[in-house]
Amino acid sequence: MRGCRVLAVSVWMSCAAWAESTPPPEVPQTLEQASAQRERAKAMRAEAERQQKEAQDRCYSKFLVNDCLAAAKKRYTEAIVEARRLDQPARDFEREAKRQELAAKEGQHAADLPLREGQQKERAEIYRADEAAKAAAREQKLADKARKAEEGRRKAVAEQASRQAKLDKRAKQDAERSAKKTADEQRKAAAGPAG
């Protein structure tokens, strides 16, 4: 157990010393550079994983397995630390770029707010004007229907009055004919026996 702690401390110290001796990774200037740098770091991690697995497989066939595993672990840790050192500035750059992009969008949104409000008011006024025009058209249509209905009623009353007048005239004529016929018959009856 103590040997593992010593090994862990020695790996950590060697990684720290190695990190101090290597130059800091390049800070990307564009999103494309950041993306490429992150891809390189990902490839480095994948390669470190692959090498670690191969080393472990080889170590189990050796006599000094623990020493071999410790050395493989040390190489793996160094590769992972280097991959992180490469990945971190790229990740920070991407995060800052996204933050700036979001701030720009929010700024543009805030700047466009009066314009959008004006457009919204204009659309609301157009909608209200359209609705008022539609309501006026409906009222006009109802008024036209009511006027036509009134004209129809007047026409029907006039036609009914005309029919009634014709019927009254015919009844009067029929009554006059009937009265004339009755008078003629009475005259004939009164004249007939005398003659």
N, C-alpha and C. Protein backbone atom coordinates (compact mmCIF):
# COMPACT_ATOMS: atom_id res chain seq x y z
N MET A 1 0.83 -1.19 0.00
CA MET A 1 0.00 0.00 0.00
C MET A 1 0.87 1.25 0.00
N ARG A 2 1.95 1.20 0.79
CA ARG A 2 2.86 2.33 0.88
C ARG A 2 3.56 2.54 -0.46
N GLY A 3 3.87 1.43 -1.13
CA GLY A 3 4.52 1.51 -2.43
C GLY A 3 3.65 2.22 -3.46
N CYS A 4 2.34 2.01 -3.38
CA CYS A 4 1.40 2.66 -4.29
C CYS A 4 1.39 4.16 -4.07
N ARG A 5 1.44 4.58 -2.75
CA ARG A 5 1.45 6.02 -2.45
C ARG A 5 2.72 6.66 -2.98
N VAL A 6 3.84 5.98 -2.75
CA VAL A 6 5.11 6.52 -3.22
C VAL A 6 5.07 6.63 -4.75
N LEU A 7 4.53 5.60 -5.39
CA LEU A 7 4.43 5.61 -6.84
C LEU A 7 3.54 6.75 -7.30
N ALA A 8 2.39 6.94 -6.66
CA ALA A 8 1.46 8.00 -7.04
C ALA A 8 2.11 9.37 -6.86
N VAL A 9 2.80 9.58 -5.75
CA VAL A 9 3.47 10.85 -5.50
C VAL A 9 4.56 11.08 -6.53
N SER A 10 5.33 10.03 -6.83
CA SER A 10 6.41 10.20 -7.80
C SER A 10 5.85 10.49 -9.20
N VAL A 11 4.72 9.85 -9.56
CA VAL A 11 4.09 10.13 -10.85
C VAL A 11 3.61 11.56 -10.88
N TRP A 12 2.99 11.99 -9.80
CA TRP A 12 2.47 13.35 -9.75
C TRP A 12 3.60 14.36 -9.85
N MET A 13 4.67 14.12 -9.13
CA MET A 13 5.80 15.03 -9.14
C MET A 13 6.45 15.06 -10.52
N SER A 14 6.58 13.90 -11.14
CA SER A 14 7.19 13.87 -12.46
C SER A 14 6.30 14.57 -13.48
N CYS A 15 4.98 14.43 -13.33
CA CYS A 15 4.05 15.11 -14.23
C CYS A 15 4.15 16.62 -14.03
N ALA A 16 4.24 17.04 -12.76
CA ALA A 16 4.34 18.46 -12.46
C ALA A 16 5.64 19.01 -13.04
N ALA A 17 6.73 18.29 -12.87
CA ALA A 17 8.02 18.73 -13.40
C ALA A 17 7.97 18.76 -14.92
N TRP A 18 7.36 17.76 -15.53
CA TRP A 18 7.25 17.70 -16.97
C TRP A 18 6.40 18.86 -17.50
N ALA A 19 5.29 19.17 -16.76
CA ALA A 19 4.41 20.25 -17.17
C ALA A 19 5.14 21.58 -17.11
N GLU A 20 6.01 21.75 -16.12
CA GLU A 20 6.76 23.00 -16.02
C GLU A 20 7.78 23.11 -17.14
N SER A 21 8.33 22.00 -17.60
CA SER A 21 9.37 22.04 -18.62
C SER A 21 8.81 22.20 -20.03
N THR A 22 7.54 21.85 -20.24
CA THR A 22 6.98 21.98 -21.58
C THR A 22 6.38 23.36 -21.76
N PRO A 23 6.46 23.91 -22.96
CA PRO A 23 5.90 25.25 -23.19
C PRO A 23 4.38 25.18 -23.16
N PRO A 24 3.74 26.28 -22.79
CA PRO A 24 2.27 26.26 -22.76
C PRO A 24 1.72 26.09 -24.18
N PRO A 25 0.58 25.43 -24.29
CA PRO A 25 0.01 25.21 -25.62
C PRO A 25 -0.44 26.53 -26.24
N GLU A 26 -0.55 26.50 -27.53
CA GLU A 26 -0.96 27.69 -28.27
C GLU A 26 -2.42 28.01 -27.95
N VAL A 27 -2.72 29.29 -27.76
CA VAL A 27 -4.10 29.73 -27.51
C VAL A 27 -4.73 29.99 -28.87
N PRO A 28 -5.82 29.34 -29.19
CA PRO A 28 -6.45 29.51 -30.51
C PRO A 28 -6.99 30.93 -30.68
N GLN A 29 -7.04 31.37 -31.94
CA GLN A 29 -7.55 32.70 -32.25
C GLN A 29 -8.89 32.67 -32.98
N THR A 30 -9.26 31.49 -33.46
CA THR A 30 -10.55 31.34 -34.15
C THR A 30 -11.23 30.08 -33.65
N LEU A 31 -12.52 29.97 -33.94
CA LEU A 31 -13.27 28.78 -33.55
C LEU A 31 -12.76 27.55 -34.31
N GLU A 32 -12.32 27.74 -35.54
CA GLU A 32 -11.79 26.62 -36.32
C GLU A 32 -10.51 26.10 -35.67
N GLN A 33 -9.64 27.03 -35.26
CA GLN A 33 -8.40 26.61 -34.60
C GLN A 33 -8.72 25.89 -33.29
N ALA A 34 -9.68 26.42 -32.54
CA ALA A 34 -10.06 25.81 -31.27
C ALA A 34 -10.61 24.40 -31.50
N SER A 35 -11.44 24.27 -32.52
CA SER A 35 -12.01 22.96 -32.83
C SER A 35 -10.92 21.97 -33.24
N ALA A 36 -9.99 22.43 -34.05
CA ALA A 36 -8.90 21.55 -34.48
C ALA A 36 -8.03 21.15 -33.29
N GLN A 37 -7.79 22.10 -32.39
CA GLN A 37 -6.98 21.82 -31.21
C GLN A 37 -7.67 20.81 -30.31
N ARG A 38 -8.97 20.95 -30.17
CA ARG A 38 -9.72 20.00 -29.34
C ARG A 38 -9.72 18.62 -29.98
N GLU A 39 -9.80 18.57 -31.31
CA GLU A 39 -9.73 17.28 -32.00
C GLU A 39 -8.37 16.62 -31.79
N ARG A 40 -7.29 17.43 -31.85
CA ARG A 40 -5.96 16.88 -31.60
C ARG A 40 -5.87 16.31 -30.18
N ALA A 41 -6.44 17.04 -29.21
CA ALA A 41 -6.42 16.58 -27.82
C ALA A 41 -7.22 15.28 -27.68
N LYS A 42 -8.33 15.20 -28.38
CA LYS A 42 -9.15 13.99 -28.33
C LYS A 42 -8.39 12.81 -28.93
N ALA A 43 -7.71 13.08 -30.03
CA ALA A 43 -6.90 12.02 -30.66
C ALA A 43 -5.77 11.59 -29.74
N MET A 44 -5.16 12.55 -29.05
CA MET A 44 -4.09 12.23 -28.10
C MET A 44 -4.61 11.34 -26.99
N ARG A 45 -5.79 11.65 -26.47
CA ARG A 45 -6.38 10.83 -25.40
C ARG A 45 -6.68 9.42 -25.91
N ALA A 46 -7.23 9.34 -27.11
CA ALA A 46 -7.54 8.03 -27.68
C ALA A 46 -6.27 7.21 -27.88
N GLU A 47 -5.23 7.87 -28.36
CA GLU A 47 -3.95 7.18 -28.57
C GLU A 47 -3.37 6.74 -27.22
N ALA A 48 -3.47 7.59 -26.20
CA ALA A 48 -2.97 7.24 -24.87
C ALA A 48 -3.74 6.03 -24.33
N GLU A 49 -5.06 6.01 -24.54
CA GLU A 49 -5.86 4.86 -24.09
C GLU A 49 -5.41 3.59 -24.81
N ARG A 50 -5.21 3.71 -26.12
CA ARG A 50 -4.80 2.55 -26.90
C ARG A 50 -3.43 2.03 -26.43
N GLN A 51 -2.49 2.95 -26.24
CA GLN A 51 -1.15 2.55 -25.80
C GLN A 51 -1.18 1.97 -24.39
N GLN A 52 -2.03 2.54 -23.52
CA GLN A 52 -2.14 2.04 -22.15
C GLN A 52 -2.64 0.58 -22.17
N LYS A 53 -3.64 0.33 -22.99
CA LYS A 53 -4.18 -1.03 -23.07
C LYS A 53 -3.11 -2.00 -23.59
N GLU A 54 -2.40 -1.60 -24.64
CA GLU A 54 -1.34 -2.46 -25.18
C GLU A 54 -0.24 -2.71 -24.14
N ALA A 55 0.13 -1.65 -23.43
CA ALA A 55 1.19 -1.76 -22.42
C ALA A 55 0.75 -2.70 -21.30
N GLN A 56 -0.49 -2.59 -20.87
CA GLN A 56 -0.98 -3.47 -19.81
C GLN A 56 -0.94 -4.93 -20.28
N ASP A 57 -1.35 -5.15 -21.51
CA ASP A 57 -1.32 -6.52 -22.04
C ASP A 57 0.12 -7.06 -22.07
N ARG A 58 1.07 -6.22 -22.48
CA ARG A 58 2.47 -6.64 -22.51
C ARG A 58 3.01 -6.88 -21.10
N CYS A 59 2.61 -6.02 -20.15
CA CYS A 59 3.14 -6.10 -18.78
C CYS A 59 2.76 -7.42 -18.11
N TYR A 60 1.59 -7.92 -18.40
CA TYR A 60 1.16 -9.14 -17.74
C TYR A 60 1.95 -10.37 -18.21
N SER A 61 2.70 -10.19 -19.29
CA SER A 61 3.53 -11.30 -19.76
C SER A 61 4.97 -11.20 -19.23
N LYS A 62 5.27 -10.13 -18.49
CA LYS A 62 6.62 -9.93 -17.96
C LYS A 62 6.72 -10.42 -16.53
N PHE A 63 7.98 -10.52 -16.07
CA PHE A 63 8.24 -10.99 -14.71
C PHE A 63 7.94 -9.88 -13.70
N LEU A 64 8.37 -8.66 -13.94
CA LEU A 64 8.13 -7.53 -13.04
C LEU A 64 6.88 -6.77 -13.51
N VAL A 65 5.76 -7.34 -13.24
CA VAL A 65 4.48 -6.81 -13.73
C VAL A 65 4.22 -5.43 -13.14
N ASN A 66 4.38 -5.25 -11.82
CA ASN A 66 4.03 -3.99 -11.17
C ASN A 66 4.89 -2.85 -11.68
N ASP A 67 6.20 -3.07 -11.86
CA ASP A 67 7.06 -2.01 -12.37
C ASP A 67 6.64 -1.62 -13.79
N CYS A 68 6.34 -2.59 -14.56
CA CYS A 68 5.90 -2.36 -15.94
C CYS A 68 4.58 -1.58 -15.97
N LEU A 69 3.63 -1.99 -15.11
CA LEU A 69 2.33 -1.30 -15.04
C LEU A 69 2.50 0.14 -14.57
N ALA A 70 3.40 0.34 -13.59
CA ALA A 70 3.63 1.70 -13.07
C ALA A 70 4.20 2.58 -14.17
N ALA A 71 5.16 2.06 -14.91
CA ALA A 71 5.75 2.84 -16.00
C ALA A 71 4.71 3.15 -17.07
N ALA A 72 3.87 2.18 -17.39
CA ALA A 72 2.81 2.39 -18.39
C ALA A 72 1.82 3.44 -17.89
N LYS A 73 1.50 3.35 -16.60
CA LYS A 73 0.57 4.32 -16.00
C LYS A 73 1.17 5.72 -16.06
N LYS A 74 2.48 5.82 -15.81
CA LYS A 74 3.17 7.11 -15.84
C LYS A 74 3.10 7.69 -17.25
N ARG A 75 3.39 6.89 -18.26
CA ARG A 75 3.31 7.37 -19.64
C ARG A 75 1.88 7.78 -20.00
N TYR A 76 0.93 6.99 -19.55
CA TYR A 76 -0.48 7.29 -19.82
C TYR A 76 -0.87 8.62 -19.18
N THR A 77 -0.48 8.79 -17.92
CA THR A 77 -0.82 10.02 -17.19
C THR A 77 -0.19 11.22 -17.88
N GLU A 78 1.05 11.11 -18.30
CA GLU A 78 1.72 12.22 -18.98
C GLU A 78 0.99 12.56 -20.28
N ALA A 79 0.58 11.56 -21.02
CA ALA A 79 -0.13 11.81 -22.27
C ALA A 79 -1.48 12.47 -22.03
N ILE A 80 -2.17 12.01 -20.99
CA ILE A 80 -3.49 12.60 -20.67
C ILE A 80 -3.33 14.04 -20.21
N VAL A 81 -2.29 14.31 -19.39
CA VAL A 81 -2.04 15.68 -18.93
C VAL A 81 -1.74 16.57 -20.13
N GLU A 82 -0.93 16.09 -21.05
CA GLU A 82 -0.60 16.88 -22.25
C GLU A 82 -1.86 17.13 -23.08
N ALA A 83 -2.71 16.12 -23.20
CA ALA A 83 -3.96 16.29 -23.95
C ALA A 83 -4.85 17.33 -23.27
N ARG A 84 -4.90 17.32 -21.94
CA ARG A 84 -5.70 18.32 -21.21
C ARG A 84 -5.12 19.71 -21.41
N ARG A 85 -3.79 19.81 -21.39
CA ARG A 85 -3.13 21.11 -21.57
C ARG A 85 -3.44 21.66 -22.96
N LEU A 86 -3.56 20.79 -23.92
CA LEU A 86 -3.89 21.21 -25.28
C LEU A 86 -5.38 21.55 -25.39
N ASP A 87 -6.21 20.79 -24.71
CA ASP A 87 -7.67 20.94 -24.80
C ASP A 87 -8.19 22.16 -24.04
N GLN A 88 -7.59 22.45 -22.89
CA GLN A 88 -8.13 23.48 -22.01
C GLN A 88 -8.19 24.87 -22.66
N PRO A 89 -7.12 25.38 -23.27
CA PRO A 89 -7.24 26.71 -23.89
C PRO A 89 -8.28 26.73 -25.01
N ALA A 90 -8.35 25.64 -25.77
CA ALA A 90 -9.34 25.59 -26.85
C ALA A 90 -10.75 25.60 -26.28
N ARG A 91 -10.97 24.84 -25.21
CA ARG A 91 -12.30 24.81 -24.58
C ARG A 91 -12.64 26.19 -24.02
N ASP A 92 -11.66 26.84 -23.37
CA ASP A 92 -11.89 28.18 -22.83
C ASP A 92 -12.22 29.17 -23.95
N PHE A 93 -11.48 29.06 -25.06
CA PHE A 93 -11.74 29.96 -26.19
C PHE A 93 -13.15 29.75 -26.73
N GLU A 94 -13.55 28.50 -26.91
CA GLU A 94 -14.90 28.21 -27.42
C GLU A 94 -15.96 28.73 -26.46
N ARG A 95 -15.74 28.52 -25.17
CA ARG A 95 -16.70 28.98 -24.17
C ARG A 95 -16.82 30.51 -24.23
N GLU A 96 -15.69 31.21 -24.32
CA GLU A 96 -15.71 32.67 -24.38
C GLU A 96 -16.37 33.13 -25.68
N ALA A 97 -16.09 32.44 -26.78
CA ALA A 97 -16.71 32.80 -28.07
C ALA A 97 -18.23 32.64 -27.98
N LYS A 98 -18.68 31.55 -27.37
CA LYS A 98 -20.13 31.34 -27.22
C LYS A 98 -20.73 32.41 -26.31
N ARG A 99 -20.00 32.76 -25.26
CA ARG A 99 -20.48 33.81 -24.35
C ARG A 99 -20.62 35.13 -25.11
N GLN A 100 -19.61 35.46 -25.91
CA GLN A 100 -19.66 36.70 -26.68
C GLN A 100 -20.78 36.66 -27.71
N GLU A 101 -20.95 35.52 -28.35
CA GLU A 101 -22.02 35.38 -29.33
C GLU A 101 -23.39 35.56 -28.68
N LEU A 102 -23.55 34.96 -27.50
CA LEU A 102 -24.81 35.11 -26.77
C LEU A 102 -25.03 36.56 -26.36
N ALA A 103 -23.96 37.21 -25.88
CA ALA A 103 -24.08 38.62 -25.49
C ALA A 103 -24.44 39.47 -26.71
N ALA A 104 -23.84 39.16 -27.86
CA ALA A 104 -24.16 39.92 -29.07
C ALA A 104 -25.61 39.70 -29.47
N LYS A 105 -26.08 38.46 -29.39
CA LYS A 105 -27.48 38.18 -29.72
C LYS A 105 -28.42 38.91 -28.78
N GLU A 106 -28.08 38.89 -27.48
CA GLU A 106 -28.93 39.58 -26.51
C GLU A 106 -28.92 41.08 -26.77
N GLY A 107 -27.73 41.61 -27.12
CA GLY A 107 -27.64 43.04 -27.45
C GLY A 107 -28.46 43.37 -28.68
N GLN A 108 -28.37 42.54 -29.70
CA GLN A 108 -29.14 42.76 -30.92
C GLN A 108 -30.64 42.64 -30.63
N HIS A 109 -30.99 41.66 -29.78
CA HIS A 109 -32.40 41.49 -29.40
C HIS A 109 -32.91 42.74 -28.68
N ALA A 110 -32.09 43.26 -27.77
CA ALA A 110 -32.48 44.48 -27.04
C ALA A 110 -32.56 45.67 -27.99
N ALA A 111 -31.61 45.75 -28.95
CA ALA A 111 -31.63 46.85 -29.90
C ALA A 111 -32.84 46.76 -30.83
N ASP A 112 -33.25 45.56 -31.17
CA ASP A 112 -34.38 45.37 -32.08
C ASP A 112 -35.73 45.48 -31.38
N LEU A 113 -35.72 45.54 -30.06
CA LEU A 113 -36.97 45.55 -29.30
C LEU A 113 -37.89 46.71 -29.70
N PRO A 114 -37.40 47.96 -29.77
CA PRO A 114 -38.31 49.04 -30.17
C PRO A 114 -38.89 48.82 -31.57
N LEU A 115 -38.05 48.33 -32.49
CA LEU A 115 -38.53 48.07 -33.84
C LEU A 115 -39.62 47.00 -33.83
N ARG A 116 -39.37 45.92 -33.07
CA ARG A 116 -40.37 44.84 -33.00
C ARG A 116 -41.65 45.35 -32.35
N GLU A 117 -41.52 46.18 -31.32
CA GLU A 117 -42.72 46.71 -30.68
C GLU A 117 -43.49 47.59 -31.65
N GLY A 118 -42.77 48.40 -32.43
CA GLY A 118 -43.43 49.24 -33.43
C GLY A 118 -44.14 48.40 -34.47
N GLN A 119 -43.48 47.34 -34.93
CA GLN A 119 -44.10 46.45 -35.91
C GLN A 119 -45.32 45.77 -35.32
N GLN A 120 -45.21 45.39 -34.06
CA GLN A 120 -46.34 44.72 -33.41
C GLN A 120 -47.52 45.69 -33.29
N LYS A 121 -47.24 46.95 -32.93
CA LYS A 121 -48.32 47.95 -32.84
C LYS A 121 -48.95 48.17 -34.20
N GLU A 122 -48.10 48.24 -35.24
CA GLU A 122 -48.60 48.44 -36.60
C GLU A 122 -49.49 47.28 -37.02
N ARG A 123 -49.03 46.05 -36.73
CA ARG A 123 -49.85 44.88 -37.07
C ARG A 123 -51.17 44.91 -36.29
N ALA A 124 -51.11 45.34 -35.02
CA ALA A 124 -52.33 45.40 -34.21
C ALA A 124 -53.30 46.43 -34.80
N GLU A 125 -52.76 47.58 -35.23
CA GLU A 125 -53.63 48.61 -35.83
C GLU A 125 -54.24 48.11 -37.14
N ILE A 126 -53.43 47.44 -37.94
CA ILE A 126 -53.95 46.89 -39.20
C ILE A 126 -55.03 45.86 -38.91
N TYR A 127 -54.79 45.01 -37.89
CA TYR A 127 -55.78 44.00 -37.52
C TYR A 127 -57.08 44.67 -37.07
N ARG A 128 -56.95 45.70 -36.21
CA ARG A 128 -58.15 46.39 -35.73
C ARG A 128 -58.89 47.06 -36.90
N ALA A 129 -58.14 47.68 -37.83
CA ALA A 129 -58.78 48.32 -38.98
C ALA A 129 -59.49 47.28 -39.84
N ASP A 130 -58.84 46.12 -40.04
CA ASP A 130 -59.47 45.04 -40.82
C ASP A 130 -60.75 44.56 -40.14
N GLU A 131 -60.67 44.37 -38.82
CA GLU A 131 -61.85 43.91 -38.08
C GLU A 131 -62.97 44.95 -38.14
N ALA A 132 -62.60 46.24 -38.05
CA ALA A 132 -63.62 47.30 -38.13
C ALA A 132 -64.25 47.30 -39.52
N ALA A 133 -63.41 47.12 -40.57
CA ALA A 133 -63.95 47.08 -41.93
C ALA A 133 -64.87 45.88 -42.11
N LYS A 134 -64.46 44.74 -41.57
CA LYS A 134 -65.30 43.55 -41.66
C LYS A 134 -66.62 43.76 -40.92
N ALA A 135 -66.54 44.39 -39.73
CA ALA A 135 -67.76 44.65 -38.96
C ALA A 135 -68.68 45.61 -39.73
N ALA A 136 -68.09 46.65 -40.34
CA ALA A 136 -68.88 47.60 -41.12
C ALA A 136 -69.52 46.90 -42.31
N ALA A 137 -68.76 46.00 -42.96
CA ALA A 137 -69.31 45.26 -44.09
C ALA A 137 -70.46 44.36 -43.64
N ARG A 138 -70.28 43.73 -42.47
CA ARG A 138 -71.38 42.89 -41.94
C ARG A 138 -72.61 43.74 -41.64
N GLU A 139 -72.40 44.92 -41.04
CA GLU A 139 -73.53 45.80 -40.72
C GLU A 139 -74.23 46.26 -42.01
N GLN A 140 -73.42 46.59 -43.02
CA GLN A 140 -73.99 47.02 -44.30
C GLN A 140 -74.79 45.89 -44.94
N LYS A 141 -74.23 44.68 -44.86
CA LYS A 141 -74.92 43.52 -45.42
C LYS A 141 -76.24 43.29 -44.70
N LEU A 142 -76.22 43.39 -43.35
CA LEU A 142 -77.47 43.22 -42.59
C LEU A 142 -78.47 44.33 -42.92
N ALA A 143 -77.96 45.56 -43.07
CA ALA A 143 -78.86 46.67 -43.41
C ALA A 143 -79.46 46.45 -44.80
N ASP A 144 -78.62 45.98 -45.76
CA ASP A 144 -79.13 45.69 -47.10
C ASP A 144 -80.20 44.60 -47.05
N LYS A 145 -79.93 43.55 -46.25
CA LYS A 145 -80.91 42.47 -46.12
C LYS A 145 -82.22 43.01 -45.53
N ALA A 146 -82.09 43.84 -44.49
CA ALA A 146 -83.28 44.40 -43.86
C ALA A 146 -84.05 45.28 -44.85
N ARG A 147 -83.33 46.10 -45.65
CA ARG A 147 -83.96 46.97 -46.64
C ARG A 147 -84.67 46.12 -47.70
N LYS A 148 -83.98 45.08 -48.17
CA LYS A 148 -84.59 44.21 -49.18
C LYS A 148 -85.82 43.49 -48.61
N ALA A 149 -85.72 43.08 -47.35
CA ALA A 149 -86.86 42.42 -46.72
C ALA A 149 -88.04 43.38 -46.61
N GLU A 150 -87.75 44.65 -46.26
CA GLU A 150 -88.82 45.65 -46.16
C GLU A 150 -89.43 45.91 -47.53
N GLU A 151 -88.57 46.01 -48.56
CA GLU A 151 -89.08 46.20 -49.92
C GLU A 151 -89.95 45.01 -50.33
N GLY A 152 -89.47 43.81 -49.97
CA GLY A 152 -90.25 42.60 -50.28
C GLY A 152 -91.60 42.62 -49.59
N ARG A 153 -91.61 43.07 -48.30
CA ARG A 153 -92.88 43.14 -47.58
C ARG A 153 -93.81 44.17 -48.23
N ARG A 154 -93.25 45.34 -48.60
CA ARG A 154 -94.08 46.38 -49.22
C ARG A 154 -94.64 45.88 -50.56
N LYS A 155 -93.78 45.21 -51.32
CA LYS A 155 -94.20 44.69 -52.61
C LYS A 155 -95.29 43.64 -52.43
N ALA A 156 -95.09 42.76 -51.42
CA ALA A 156 -96.09 41.73 -51.15
C ALA A 156 -97.42 42.37 -50.73
N VAL A 157 -97.33 43.43 -49.89
CA VAL A 157 -98.56 44.12 -49.46
C VAL A 157 -99.23 44.77 -50.66
N ALA A 158 -98.38 45.40 -51.54
CA ALA A 158 -98.95 46.06 -52.73
C ALA A 158 -99.58 45.02 -53.64
N GLU A 159 -98.91 43.88 -53.85
CA GLU A 159 -99.47 42.82 -54.68
C GLU A 159 -100.77 42.29 -54.07
N GLN A 160 -100.76 42.12 -52.75
CA GLN A 160 -101.96 41.63 -52.06
C GLN A 160 -103.10 42.64 -52.22
N ALA A 161 -102.75 43.93 -52.08
CA ALA A 161 -103.78 44.97 -52.24
C ALA A 161 -104.30 44.98 -53.66
N SER A 162 -103.39 44.80 -54.66
CA SER A 162 -103.80 44.78 -56.07
C SER A 162 -104.70 43.58 -56.33
N ARG A 163 -104.30 42.40 -55.79
CA ARG A 163 -105.17 41.22 -55.96
C ARG A 163 -106.54 41.46 -55.31
N GLN A 164 -106.48 42.04 -54.10
CA GLN A 164 -107.75 42.28 -53.39
C GLN A 164 -108.61 43.25 -54.19
N ALA A 165 -107.96 44.27 -54.77
CA ALA A 165 -108.74 45.25 -55.56
C ALA A 165 -109.36 44.56 -56.77
N LYS A 166 -108.54 43.67 -57.43
CA LYS A 166 -109.07 42.92 -58.57
C LYS A 166 -110.23 42.04 -58.13
N LEU A 167 -110.04 41.35 -56.98
CA LEU A 167 -111.11 40.50 -56.48
C LEU A 167 -112.35 41.32 -56.14
N ASP A 168 -112.12 42.49 -55.51
CA ASP A 168 -113.26 43.35 -55.16
C ASP A 168 -113.96 43.84 -56.43
N LYS A 169 -113.12 44.21 -57.47
CA LYS A 169 -113.69 44.69 -58.72
C LYS A 169 -114.49 43.58 -59.39
N ARG A 170 -113.88 42.37 -59.39
CA ARG A 170 -114.59 41.25 -59.99
C ARG A 170 -115.88 40.94 -59.22
N ALA A 171 -115.79 40.96 -57.90
CA ALA A 171 -116.99 40.70 -57.10
C ALA A 171 -118.05 41.77 -57.38
N LYS A 172 -117.60 43.03 -57.53
CA LYS A 172 -118.54 44.12 -57.83
C LYS A 172 -119.17 43.90 -59.20
N GLN A 173 -118.29 43.52 -60.17
CA GLN A 173 -118.81 43.26 -61.51
C GLN A 173 -119.78 42.07 -61.49
N ASP A 174 -119.35 41.01 -60.74
CA ASP A 174 -120.25 39.86 -60.64
C ASP A 174 -121.57 40.27 -59.98
N ALA A 175 -121.48 41.08 -58.96
CA ALA A 175 -122.71 41.52 -58.28
C ALA A 175 -123.56 42.37 -59.22
N GLU A 176 -122.90 43.26 -60.02
CA GLU A 176 -123.64 44.11 -60.96
C GLU A 176 -124.30 43.24 -62.03
N ARG A 177 -123.52 42.25 -62.55
CA ARG A 177 -124.09 41.35 -63.54
C ARG A 177 -125.27 40.58 -62.96
N SER A 178 -125.03 40.08 -61.78
CA SER A 178 -126.08 39.30 -61.14
C SER A 178 -127.32 40.18 -60.90
N ALA A 179 -127.05 41.40 -60.46
CA ALA A 179 -128.19 42.31 -60.21
C ALA A 179 -128.88 42.65 -61.53
N LYS A 180 -128.08 42.89 -62.61
CA LYS A 180 -128.64 43.19 -63.91
C LYS A 180 -129.43 42.00 -64.44
N LYS A 181 -128.85 40.81 -64.24
CA LYS A 181 -129.52 39.61 -64.71
C LYS A 181 -130.84 39.42 -63.96
N THR A 182 -130.78 39.64 -62.66
CA THR A 182 -131.98 39.50 -61.85
C THR A 182 -133.01 40.55 -62.29
N ALA A 183 -132.51 41.75 -62.55
CA ALA A 183 -133.43 42.82 -62.98
C ALA A 183 -134.02 42.48 -64.34
N ASP A 184 -133.17 41.95 -65.25
CA ASP A 184 -133.65 41.56 -66.57
C ASP A 184 -134.69 40.44 -66.43
N GLU A 185 -134.40 39.51 -65.60
CA GLU A 185 -135.33 38.40 -65.41
C GLU A 185 -136.63 38.90 -64.82
N GLN A 186 -136.53 39.83 -63.92
CA GLN A 186 -137.75 40.36 -63.31
C GLN A 186 -138.55 41.16 -64.34
N ARG A 187 -137.85 41.89 -65.15
CA ARG A 187 -138.52 42.64 -66.21
C ARG A 187 -139.20 41.69 -67.21
N LYS A 188 -138.44 40.64 -67.56
CA LYS A 188 -139.02 39.67 -68.48
C LYS A 188 -140.21 38.97 -67.86
N ALA A 189 -140.06 38.66 -66.62
CA ALA A 189 -141.14 38.00 -65.93
C ALA A 189 -142.34 38.93 -65.83
N ALA A 190 -142.07 40.18 -65.59
CA ALA A 190 -143.15 41.12 -65.47
C ALA A 190 -143.73 41.46 -66.84
N ALA A 191 -142.95 41.45 -67.84
CA ALA A 191 -143.40 41.76 -69.20
C ALA A 191 -144.00 40.53 -69.86
N GLY A 192 -143.55 39.39 -69.52
CA GLY A 192 -143.93 38.17 -70.20
C GLY A 192 -145.40 37.82 -69.99
N PRO A 193 -145.90 37.75 -68.89
CA PRO A 193 -147.29 37.38 -68.79
C PRO A 193 -148.23 38.46 -69.35
N ALA A 194 -147.79 39.59 -69.43
CA ALA A 194 -148.66 40.63 -69.93
C ALA A 194 -148.75 40.57 -71.44
N GLY A 195 -147.83 40.08 -72.04
CA GLY A 195 -147.79 40.12 -73.45
C GLY A 195 -148.40 39.12 -74.22
